[in-house]
Amino acid sequence: MIQNEKIRPAKVIGPLGEPLTIDTLPPPSTTRWVVRRKAEVVAAVNGGLLSVDEVCDRYSLTVEEFAGWQRAIDRSGMPGLRVTRIQHYRSLYERQQKY
């Protein structure tokens, strides 16, 4: 009998064009989330390397926090992940939605 197993890629393309594997992702003990690391984790999920649940468990994130990272990348690219610019990009996006 054939089982329905998820087929995962061995690697995906990261935000800077480099190949990402499970081993090259940020370590599970990461506490300092810079833009590049956030973007790598989002790219891993988007490419099918990990699921959202696996990422949340691995990095002790909430689903809402991870969804915020995905939204920021979708709206503004990597610069949208900068903590110091969140309010700027949020207001910019809200203004765009009005028109």
PDB file of N, CA and C in Angstrom:
ATOM      1  N   MET A   1       0.840  -1.174   0.000  1.00  0.00           N
ATOM      2  CA  MET A   1       0.000   0.000   0.000  1.00  0.00           C
ATOM      3  C   MET A   1       0.893   1.247   0.000  1.00  0.00           C
ATOM      4  N   ILE A   2       0.511   2.235  -0.773  1.00  0.00           N
ATOM      5  CA  ILE A   2       1.282   3.467  -0.871  1.00  0.00           C
ATOM      6  C   ILE A   2       0.819   4.430   0.212  1.00  0.00           C
ATOM      7  N   GLN A   3       1.762   4.917   0.962  1.00  0.00           N
ATOM      8  CA  GLN A   3       1.429   5.877   2.005  1.00  0.00           C
ATOM      9  C   GLN A   3       1.594   7.291   1.478  1.00  0.00           C
ATOM     10  N   ASN A   4       0.768   8.168   1.959  1.00  0.00           N
ATOM     11  CA  ASN A   4       0.823   9.563   1.548  1.00  0.00           C
ATOM     12  C   ASN A   4       1.811  10.304   2.457  1.00  0.00           C
ATOM     13  N   GLU A   5       3.045  10.320   2.069  1.00  0.00           N
ATOM     14  CA  GLU A   5       4.081  10.992   2.846  1.00  0.00           C
ATOM     15  C   GLU A   5       4.405  12.326   2.200  1.00  0.00           C
ATOM     16  N   LYS A   6       4.694  13.297   3.047  1.00  0.00           N
ATOM     17  CA  LYS A   6       5.098  14.591   2.519  1.00  0.00           C
ATOM     18  C   LYS A   6       6.516  14.482   1.984  1.00  0.00           C
ATOM     19  N   ILE A   7       6.690  14.931   0.773  1.00  0.00           N
ATOM     20  CA  ILE A   7       8.019  14.951   0.190  1.00  0.00           C
ATOM     21  C   ILE A   7       8.575  16.349   0.389  1.00  0.00           C
ATOM     22  N   ARG A   8       9.694  16.419   1.057  1.00  0.00           N
ATOM     23  CA  ARG A   8      10.313  17.711   1.350  1.00  0.00           C
ATOM     24  C   ARG A   8      11.572  17.870   0.534  1.00  0.00           C
ATOM     25  N   PRO A   9      11.818  19.085   0.108  1.00  0.00           N
ATOM     26  CA  PRO A   9      13.063  19.316  -0.624  1.00  0.00           C
ATOM     27  C   PRO A   9      14.258  19.229   0.325  1.00  0.00           C
ATOM     28  N   ALA A  10      15.391  18.868  -0.207  1.00  0.00           N
ATOM     29  CA  ALA A  10      16.610  18.812   0.599  1.00  0.00           C
ATOM     30  C   ALA A  10      17.130  20.216   0.880  1.00  0.00           C
ATOM     31  N   LYS A  11      16.842  21.130  -0.054  1.00  0.00           N
ATOM     32  CA  LYS A  11      17.264  22.522   0.149  1.00  0.00           C
ATOM     33  C   LYS A  11      16.312  23.441  -0.595  1.00  0.00           C
ATOM     34  N   VAL A  12      16.273  24.679  -0.150  1.00  0.00           N
ATOM     35  CA  VAL A  12      15.482  25.723  -0.802  1.00  0.00           C
ATOM     36  C   VAL A  12      16.381  26.930  -1.007  1.00  0.00           C
ATOM     37  N   ILE A  13      15.931  27.847  -1.824  1.00  0.00           N
ATOM     38  CA  ILE A  13      16.707  29.059  -2.064  1.00  0.00           C
ATOM     39  C   ILE A  13      16.357  30.081  -0.984  1.00  0.00           C
ATOM     40  N   GLY A  14      17.378  30.600  -0.331  1.00  0.00           N
ATOM     41  CA  GLY A  14      17.191  31.569   0.732  1.00  0.00           C
ATOM     42  C   GLY A  14      16.933  32.969   0.213  1.00  0.00           C
ATOM     43  N   PRO A  15      16.724  33.905   1.099  1.00  0.00           N
ATOM     44  CA  PRO A  15      16.386  35.274   0.708  1.00  0.00           C
ATOM     45  C   PRO A  15      17.506  36.000  -0.031  1.00  0.00           C
ATOM     46  N   LEU A  16      18.719  35.562   0.155  1.00  0.00           N
ATOM     47  CA  LEU A  16      19.856  36.190  -0.523  1.00  0.00           C
ATOM     48  C   LEU A  16      20.365  35.358  -1.690  1.00  0.00           C
ATOM     49  N   GLY A  17      19.592  34.323  -2.071  1.00  0.00           N
ATOM     50  CA  GLY A  17      19.954  33.497  -3.213  1.00  0.00           C
ATOM     51  C   GLY A  17      20.815  32.290  -2.885  1.00  0.00           C
ATOM     52  N   GLU A  18      21.147  32.095  -1.619  1.00  0.00           N
ATOM     53  CA  GLU A  18      21.977  30.964  -1.216  1.00  0.00           C
ATOM     54  C   GLU A  18      21.095  29.762  -0.885  1.00  0.00           C
ATOM     55  N   PRO A  19      21.615  28.545  -1.053  1.00  0.00           N
ATOM     56  CA  PRO A  19      20.816  27.367  -0.700  1.00  0.00           C
ATOM     57  C   PRO A  19      20.682  27.242   0.822  1.00  0.00           C
ATOM     58  N   LEU A  20      19.472  26.914   1.273  1.00  0.00           N
ATOM     59  CA  LEU A  20      19.210  26.698   2.698  1.00  0.00           C
ATOM     60  C   LEU A  20      18.838  25.243   2.920  1.00  0.00           C
ATOM     61  N   THR A  21      19.427  24.653   3.940  1.00  0.00           N
ATOM     62  CA  THR A  21      19.055  23.306   4.368  1.00  0.00           C
ATOM     63  C   THR A  21      18.673  23.388   5.839  1.00  0.00           C
ATOM     64  N   ILE A  22      18.195  22.302   6.375  1.00  0.00           N
ATOM     65  CA  ILE A  22      17.867  22.264   7.804  1.00  0.00           C
ATOM     66  C   ILE A  22      19.096  22.635   8.629  1.00  0.00           C
ATOM     67  N   ASP A  23      20.271  22.161   8.203  1.00  0.00           N
ATOM     68  CA  ASP A  23      21.500  22.411   8.952  1.00  0.00           C
ATOM     69  C   ASP A  23      21.978  23.855   8.871  1.00  0.00           C
ATOM     70  N   THR A  24      21.619  24.560   7.792  1.00  0.00           N
ATOM     71  CA  THR A  24      22.099  25.942   7.649  1.00  0.00           C
ATOM     72  C   THR A  24      21.095  26.968   8.177  1.00  0.00           C
ATOM     73  N   LEU A  25      19.933  26.517   8.624  1.00  0.00           N
ATOM     74  CA  LEU A  25      18.977  27.436   9.240  1.00  0.00           C
ATOM     75  C   LEU A  25      19.522  27.914  10.587  1.00  0.00           C
ATOM     76  N   PRO A  26      19.010  29.016  11.090  1.00  0.00           N
ATOM     77  CA  PRO A  26      19.453  29.462  12.417  1.00  0.00           C
ATOM     78  C   PRO A  26      19.244  28.357  13.453  1.00  0.00           C
ATOM     79  N   PRO A  27      20.129  28.266  14.437  1.00  0.00           N
ATOM     80  CA  PRO A  27      19.988  27.206  15.452  1.00  0.00           C
ATOM     81  C   PRO A  27      18.723  27.409  16.289  1.00  0.00           C
ATOM     82  N   PRO A  28      18.170  26.329  16.823  1.00  0.00           N
ATOM     83  CA  PRO A  28      16.955  26.439  17.642  1.00  0.00           C
ATOM     84  C   PRO A  28      17.115  27.335  18.872  1.00  0.00           C
ATOM     85  N   SER A  29      18.321  27.527  19.316  1.00  0.00           N
ATOM     86  CA  SER A  29      18.559  28.360  20.507  1.00  0.00           C
ATOM     87  C   SER A  29      18.626  29.855  20.181  1.00  0.00           C
ATOM     88  N   THR A  30      18.336  30.248  18.956  1.00  0.00           N
ATOM     89  CA  THR A  30      18.431  31.639  18.543  1.00  0.00           C
ATOM     90  C   THR A  30      17.485  32.512  19.362  1.00  0.00           C
ATOM     91  N   THR A  31      18.025  33.590  19.903  1.00  0.00           N
ATOM     92  CA  THR A  31      17.202  34.552  20.641  1.00  0.00           C
ATOM     93  C   THR A  31      17.287  35.942  20.015  1.00  0.00           C
ATOM     94  N   ARG A  32      18.319  36.204  19.258  1.00  0.00           N
ATOM     95  CA  ARG A  32      18.490  37.508  18.607  1.00  0.00           C
ATOM     96  C   ARG A  32      18.086  37.350  17.145  1.00  0.00           C
ATOM     97  N   TRP A  33      16.931  37.900  16.815  1.00  0.00           N
ATOM     98  CA  TRP A  33      16.373  37.719  15.473  1.00  0.00           C
ATOM     99  C   TRP A  33      16.672  38.925  14.599  1.00  0.00           C
ATOM    100  N   VAL A  34      17.729  38.817  13.805  1.00  0.00           N
ATOM    101  CA  VAL A  34      18.048  39.861  12.836  1.00  0.00           C
ATOM    102  C   VAL A  34      17.246  39.587  11.563  1.00  0.00           C
ATOM    103  N   VAL A  35      17.198  40.566  10.689  1.00  0.00           N
ATOM    104  CA  VAL A  35      16.398  40.478   9.471  1.00  0.00           C
ATOM    105  C   VAL A  35      16.740  39.236   8.659  1.00  0.00           C
ATOM    106  N   ARG A  36      18.008  38.961   8.466  1.00  0.00           N
ATOM    107  CA  ARG A  36      18.424  37.823   7.637  1.00  0.00           C
ATOM    108  C   ARG A  36      17.901  36.507   8.202  1.00  0.00           C
ATOM    109  N   ARG A  37      17.999  36.324   9.507  1.00  0.00           N
ATOM    110  CA  ARG A  37      17.535  35.071  10.114  1.00  0.00           C
ATOM    111  C   ARG A  37      16.030  34.908   9.975  1.00  0.00           C
ATOM    112  N   LYS A  38      15.290  35.985  10.201  1.00  0.00           N
ATOM    113  CA  LYS A  38      13.837  35.916  10.027  1.00  0.00           C
ATOM    114  C   LYS A  38      13.500  35.543   8.585  1.00  0.00           C
ATOM    115  N   ALA A  39      14.174  36.181   7.641  1.00  0.00           N
ATOM    116  CA  ALA A  39      13.903  35.922   6.221  1.00  0.00           C
ATOM    117  C   ALA A  39      14.260  34.487   5.849  1.00  0.00           C
ATOM    118  N   GLU A  40      15.319  33.937   6.434  1.00  0.00           N
ATOM    119  CA  GLU A  40      15.689  32.549   6.155  1.00  0.00           C
ATOM    120  C   GLU A  40      14.612  31.586   6.641  1.00  0.00           C
ATOM    121  N   VAL A  41      14.071  31.841   7.814  1.00  0.00           N
ATOM    122  CA  VAL A  41      13.033  30.970   8.365  1.00  0.00           C
ATOM    123  C   VAL A  41      11.768  31.055   7.512  1.00  0.00           C
ATOM    124  N   VAL A  42      11.398  32.250   7.097  1.00  0.00           N
ATOM    125  CA  VAL A  42      10.219  32.410   6.236  1.00  0.00           C
ATOM    126  C   VAL A  42      10.449  31.702   4.898  1.00  0.00           C
ATOM    127  N   ALA A  43      11.645  31.830   4.329  1.00  0.00           N
ATOM    128  CA  ALA A  43      11.952  31.161   3.062  1.00  0.00           C
ATOM    129  C   ALA A  43      11.885  29.641   3.216  1.00  0.00           C
ATOM    130  N   ALA A  44      12.321  29.129   4.368  1.00  0.00           N
ATOM    131  CA  ALA A  44      12.270  27.688   4.613  1.00  0.00           C
ATOM    132  C   ALA A  44      10.825  27.189   4.622  1.00  0.00           C
ATOM    133  N   VAL A  45       9.943  27.946   5.228  1.00  0.00           N
ATOM    134  CA  VAL A  45       8.528  27.554   5.261  1.00  0.00           C
ATOM    135  C   VAL A  45       7.915  27.687   3.873  1.00  0.00           C
ATOM    136  N   ASN A  46       8.185  28.804   3.203  1.00  0.00           N
ATOM    137  CA  ASN A  46       7.615  29.016   1.868  1.00  0.00           C
ATOM    138  C   ASN A  46       8.096  27.970   0.868  1.00  0.00           C
ATOM    139  N   GLY A  47       9.326  27.487   1.047  1.00  0.00           N
ATOM    140  CA  GLY A  47       9.875  26.479   0.147  1.00  0.00           C
ATOM    141  C   GLY A  47       9.513  25.053   0.528  1.00  0.00           C
ATOM    142  N   GLY A  48       8.877  24.856   1.686  1.00  0.00           N
ATOM    143  CA  GLY A  48       8.465  23.524   2.096  1.00  0.00           C
ATOM    144  C   GLY A  48       9.493  22.765   2.902  1.00  0.00           C
ATOM    145  N   LEU A  49      10.579  23.430   3.301  1.00  0.00           N
ATOM    146  CA  LEU A  49      11.617  22.761   4.091  1.00  0.00           C
ATOM    147  C   LEU A  49      11.102  22.438   5.494  1.00  0.00           C
ATOM    148  N   LEU A  50      10.327  23.327   6.077  1.00  0.00           N
ATOM    149  CA  LEU A  50       9.694  23.130   7.379  1.00  0.00           C
ATOM    150  C   LEU A  50       8.254  23.615   7.304  1.00  0.00           C
ATOM    151  N   SER A  51       7.417  23.110   8.198  1.00  0.00           N
ATOM    152  CA  SER A  51       6.047  23.614   8.288  1.00  0.00           C
ATOM    153  C   SER A  51       5.999  24.745   9.312  1.00  0.00           C
ATOM    154  N   VAL A  52       4.912  25.472   9.323  1.00  0.00           N
ATOM    155  CA  VAL A  52       4.760  26.574  10.290  1.00  0.00           C
ATOM    156  C   VAL A  52       4.810  26.025  11.709  1.00  0.00           C
ATOM    157  N   ASP A  53       4.142  24.901  11.947  1.00  0.00           N
ATOM    158  CA  ASP A  53       4.153  24.307  13.287  1.00  0.00           C
ATOM    159  C   ASP A  53       5.555  23.904  13.715  1.00  0.00           C
ATOM    160  N   GLU A  54       6.323  23.330  12.791  1.00  0.00           N
ATOM    161  CA  GLU A  54       7.697  22.929  13.114  1.00  0.00           C
ATOM    162  C   GLU A  54       8.558  24.138  13.440  1.00  0.00           C
ATOM    163  N   VAL A  55       8.387  25.216  12.692  1.00  0.00           N
ATOM    164  CA  VAL A  55       9.154  26.435  12.954  1.00  0.00           C
ATOM    165  C   VAL A  55       8.795  27.011  14.318  1.00  0.00           C
ATOM    166  N   CYS A  56       7.505  27.053  14.609  1.00  0.00           N
ATOM    167  CA  CYS A  56       7.072  27.605  15.893  1.00  0.00           C
ATOM    168  C   CYS A  56       7.598  26.773  17.064  1.00  0.00           C
ATOM    169  N   ASP A  57       7.578  25.464  16.919  1.00  0.00           N
ATOM    170  CA  ASP A  57       8.126  24.589  17.967  1.00  0.00           C
ATOM    171  C   ASP A  57       9.642  24.737  18.072  1.00  0.00           C
ATOM    172  N   ARG A  58      10.310  24.735  16.935  1.00  0.00           N
ATOM    173  CA  ARG A  58      11.775  24.780  16.905  1.00  0.00           C
ATOM    174  C   ARG A  58      12.320  26.076  17.502  1.00  0.00           C
ATOM    175  N   TYR A  59      11.655  27.193  17.211  1.00  0.00           N
ATOM    176  CA  TYR A  59      12.172  28.501  17.635  1.00  0.00           C
ATOM    177  C   TYR A  59      11.356  29.149  18.750  1.00  0.00           C
ATOM    178  N   SER A  60      10.410  28.441  19.322  1.00  0.00           N
ATOM    179  CA  SER A  60       9.551  28.969  20.391  1.00  0.00           C
ATOM    180  C   SER A  60       8.872  30.272  19.972  1.00  0.00           C
ATOM    181  N   LEU A  61       8.273  30.246  18.795  1.00  0.00           N
ATOM    182  CA  LEU A  61       7.547  31.398  18.274  1.00  0.00           C
ATOM    183  C   LEU A  61       6.056  31.118  18.354  1.00  0.00           C
ATOM    184  N   THR A  62       5.275  32.182  18.372  1.00  0.00           N
ATOM    185  CA  THR A  62       3.833  32.004  18.240  1.00  0.00           C
ATOM    186  C   THR A  62       3.500  32.031  16.753  1.00  0.00           C
ATOM    187  N   VAL A  63       2.372  31.463  16.407  1.00  0.00           N
ATOM    188  CA  VAL A  63       1.941  31.468  15.013  1.00  0.00           C
ATOM    189  C   VAL A  63       1.733  32.912  14.555  1.00  0.00           C
ATOM    190  N   GLU A  64       1.216  33.752  15.434  1.00  0.00           N
ATOM    191  CA  GLU A  64       0.985  35.157  15.098  1.00  0.00           C
ATOM    192  C   GLU A  64       2.291  35.886  14.800  1.00  0.00           C
ATOM    193  N   GLU A  65       3.321  35.596  15.594  1.00  0.00           N
ATOM    194  CA  GLU A  65       4.620  36.238  15.375  1.00  0.00           C
ATOM    195  C   GLU A  65       5.196  35.840  14.019  1.00  0.00           C
ATOM    196  N   PHE A  66       5.137  34.544  13.719  1.00  0.00           N
ATOM    197  CA  PHE A  66       5.643  34.087  12.432  1.00  0.00           C
ATOM    198  C   PHE A  66       4.812  34.656  11.283  1.00  0.00           C
ATOM    199  N   ALA A  67       3.497  34.689  11.447  1.00  0.00           N
ATOM    200  CA  ALA A  67       2.629  35.250  10.408  1.00  0.00           C
ATOM    201  C   ALA A  67       2.960  36.718  10.168  1.00  0.00           C
ATOM    202  N   GLY A  68       3.337  37.425  11.220  1.00  0.00           N
ATOM    203  CA  GLY A  68       3.757  38.817  11.074  1.00  0.00           C
ATOM    204  C   GLY A  68       5.004  38.939  10.226  1.00  0.00           C
ATOM    205  N   TRP A  69       5.932  38.008  10.404  1.00  0.00           N
ATOM    206  CA  TRP A  69       7.148  38.013   9.571  1.00  0.00           C
ATOM    207  C   TRP A  69       6.783  37.775   8.117  1.00  0.00           C
ATOM    208  N   GLN A  70       5.911  36.817   7.872  1.00  0.00           N
ATOM    209  CA  GLN A  70       5.502  36.531   6.491  1.00  0.00           C
ATOM    210  C   GLN A  70       4.809  37.731   5.861  1.00  0.00           C
ATOM    211  N   ARG A  71       3.908  38.360   6.611  1.00  0.00           N
ATOM    212  CA  ARG A  71       3.213  39.543   6.107  1.00  0.00           C
ATOM    213  C   ARG A  71       4.188  40.665   5.789  1.00  0.00           C
ATOM    214  N   ALA A  72       5.161  40.877   6.672  1.00  0.00           N
ATOM    215  CA  ALA A  72       6.143  41.939   6.465  1.00  0.00           C
ATOM    216  C   ALA A  72       6.943  41.711   5.188  1.00  0.00           C
ATOM    217  N   ILE A  73       7.336  40.472   4.937  1.00  0.00           N
ATOM    218  CA  ILE A  73       8.092  40.162   3.722  1.00  0.00           C
ATOM    219  C   ILE A  73       7.213  40.329   2.494  1.00  0.00           C
ATOM    220  N   ASP A  74       5.972  39.871   2.573  1.00  0.00           N
ATOM    221  CA  ASP A  74       5.058  39.998   1.436  1.00  0.00           C
ATOM    222  C   ASP A  74       4.804  41.459   1.085  1.00  0.00           C
ATOM    223  N   ARG A  75       4.677  42.294   2.089  1.00  0.00           N
ATOM    224  CA  ARG A  75       4.356  43.704   1.861  1.00  0.00           C
ATOM    225  C   ARG A  75       5.565  44.543   1.473  1.00  0.00           C
ATOM    226  N   SER A  76       6.682  44.355   2.189  1.00  0.00           N
ATOM    227  CA  SER A  76       7.810  45.280   2.046  1.00  0.00           C
ATOM    228  C   SER A  76       9.142  44.619   1.769  1.00  0.00           C
ATOM    229  N   GLY A  77       9.172  43.301   1.624  1.00  0.00           N
ATOM    230  CA  GLY A  77      10.434  42.602   1.425  1.00  0.00           C
ATOM    231  C   GLY A  77      11.221  42.543   2.731  1.00  0.00           C
ATOM    232  N   MET A  78      12.481  42.225   2.627  1.00  0.00           N
ATOM    233  CA  MET A  78      13.314  42.091   3.822  1.00  0.00           C
ATOM    234  C   MET A  78      13.365  43.360   4.678  1.00  0.00           C
ATOM    235  N   PRO A  79      13.391  44.557   4.094  1.00  0.00           N
ATOM    236  CA  PRO A  79      13.422  45.746   4.954  1.00  0.00           C
ATOM    237  C   PRO A  79      12.211  45.851   5.879  1.00  0.00           C
ATOM    238  N   GLY A  80      11.105  45.238   5.512  1.00  0.00           N
ATOM    239  CA  GLY A  80       9.922  45.261   6.362  1.00  0.00           C
ATOM    240  C   GLY A  80      10.087  44.489   7.655  1.00  0.00           C
ATOM    241  N   LEU A  81      11.109  43.657   7.741  1.00  0.00           N
ATOM    242  CA  LEU A  81      11.363  42.867   8.951  1.00  0.00           C
ATOM    243  C   LEU A  81      12.159  43.642  10.002  1.00  0.00           C
ATOM    244  N   ARG A  82      12.661  44.800   9.635  1.00  0.00           N
ATOM    245  CA  ARG A  82      13.444  45.585  10.596  1.00  0.00           C
ATOM    246  C   ARG A  82      12.546  46.097  11.700  1.00  0.00           C
ATOM    247  N   VAL A  83      12.877  45.783  12.926  1.00  0.00           N
ATOM    248  CA  VAL A  83      12.058  46.173  14.066  1.00  0.00           C
ATOM    249  C   VAL A  83      11.963  47.692  14.168  1.00  0.00           C
ATOM    250  N   THR A  84      13.017  48.383  13.835  1.00  0.00           N
ATOM    251  CA  THR A  84      13.017  49.840  13.967  1.00  0.00           C
ATOM    252  C   THR A  84      12.161  50.515  12.909  1.00  0.00           C
ATOM    253  N   ARG A  85      11.729  49.789  11.892  1.00  0.00           N
ATOM    254  CA  ARG A  85      10.948  50.382  10.809  1.00  0.00           C
ATOM    255  C   ARG A  85       9.536  49.825  10.702  1.00  0.00           C
ATOM    256  N   ILE A  86       9.118  49.007  11.657  1.00  0.00           N
ATOM    257  CA  ILE A  86       7.798  48.370  11.583  1.00  0.00           C
ATOM    258  C   ILE A  86       6.696  49.415  11.449  1.00  0.00           C
ATOM    259  N   GLN A  87       6.720  50.433  12.289  1.00  0.00           N
ATOM    260  CA  GLN A  87       5.658  51.433  12.264  1.00  0.00           C
ATOM    261  C   GLN A  87       5.629  52.173  10.933  1.00  0.00           C
ATOM    262  N   HIS A  88       6.810  52.470  10.389  1.00  0.00           N
ATOM    263  CA  HIS A  88       6.874  53.163   9.092  1.00  0.00           C
ATOM    264  C   HIS A  88       6.212  52.328   7.998  1.00  0.00           C
ATOM    265  N   TYR A  89       6.579  51.065   7.901  1.00  0.00           N
ATOM    266  CA  TYR A  89       6.031  50.205   6.857  1.00  0.00           C
ATOM    267  C   TYR A  89       4.545  49.917   7.087  1.00  0.00           C
ATOM    268  N   ARG A  90       4.143  49.809   8.355  1.00  0.00           N
ATOM    269  CA  ARG A  90       2.729  49.573   8.647  1.00  0.00           C
ATOM    270  C   ARG A  90       1.881  50.754   8.183  1.00  0.00           C
ATOM    271  N   SER A  91       2.302  51.968   8.497  1.00  0.00           N
ATOM    272  CA  SER A  91       1.522  53.136   8.082  1.00  0.00           C
ATOM    273  C   SER A  91       1.552  53.301   6.562  1.00  0.00           C
ATOM    274  N   LEU A  92       2.676  52.993   5.941  1.00  0.00           N
ATOM    275  CA  LEU A  92       2.775  53.064   4.486  1.00  0.00           C
ATOM    276  C   LEU A  92       1.793  52.092   3.841  1.00  0.00           C
ATOM    277  N   TYR A  93       1.726  50.883   4.356  1.00  0.00           N
ATOM    278  CA  TYR A  93       0.827  49.876   3.801  1.00  0.00           C
ATOM    279  C   TYR A  93      -0.627  50.292   4.009  1.00  0.00           C
ATOM    280  N   GLU A  94      -0.946  50.827   5.182  1.00  0.00           N
ATOM    281  CA  GLU A  94      -2.321  51.254   5.445  1.00  0.00           C
ATOM    282  C   GLU A  94      -2.733  52.382   4.509  1.00  0.00           C
ATOM    283  N   ARG A  95      -1.825  53.311   4.215  1.00  0.00           N
ATOM    284  CA  ARG A  95      -2.131  54.391   3.282  1.00  0.00           C
ATOM    285  C   ARG A  95      -2.386  53.828   1.889  1.00  0.00           C
ATOM    286  N   GLN A  96      -1.615  52.822   1.468  1.00  0.00           N
ATOM    287  CA  GLN A  96      -1.792  52.230   0.157  1.00  0.00           C
ATOM    288  C   GLN A  96      -3.139  51.519   0.053  1.00  0.00           C
ATOM    289  N   GLN A  97      -3.606  50.936   1.151  1.00  0.00           N
ATOM    290  CA  GLN A  97      -4.872  50.220   1.138  1.00  0.00           C
ATOM    291  C   GLN A  97      -6.064  51.175   0.972  1.00  0.00           C
ATOM    292  N   LYS A  98      -5.901  52.439   1.368  1.00  0.00           N
ATOM    293  CA  LYS A  98      -6.995  53.409   1.284  1.00  0.00           C
ATOM    294  C   LYS A  98      -7.285  53.813  -0.152  1.00  0.00           C
ATOM    295  N   TYR A  99      -6.301  53.734  -1.034  1.00  0.00           N
ATOM    296  CA  TYR A  99      -6.473  54.229  -2.407  1.00  0.00           C
ATOM    297  C   TYR A  99      -6.747  53.120  -3.380  1.00  0.00           C
TER     298      TYR A  99
END
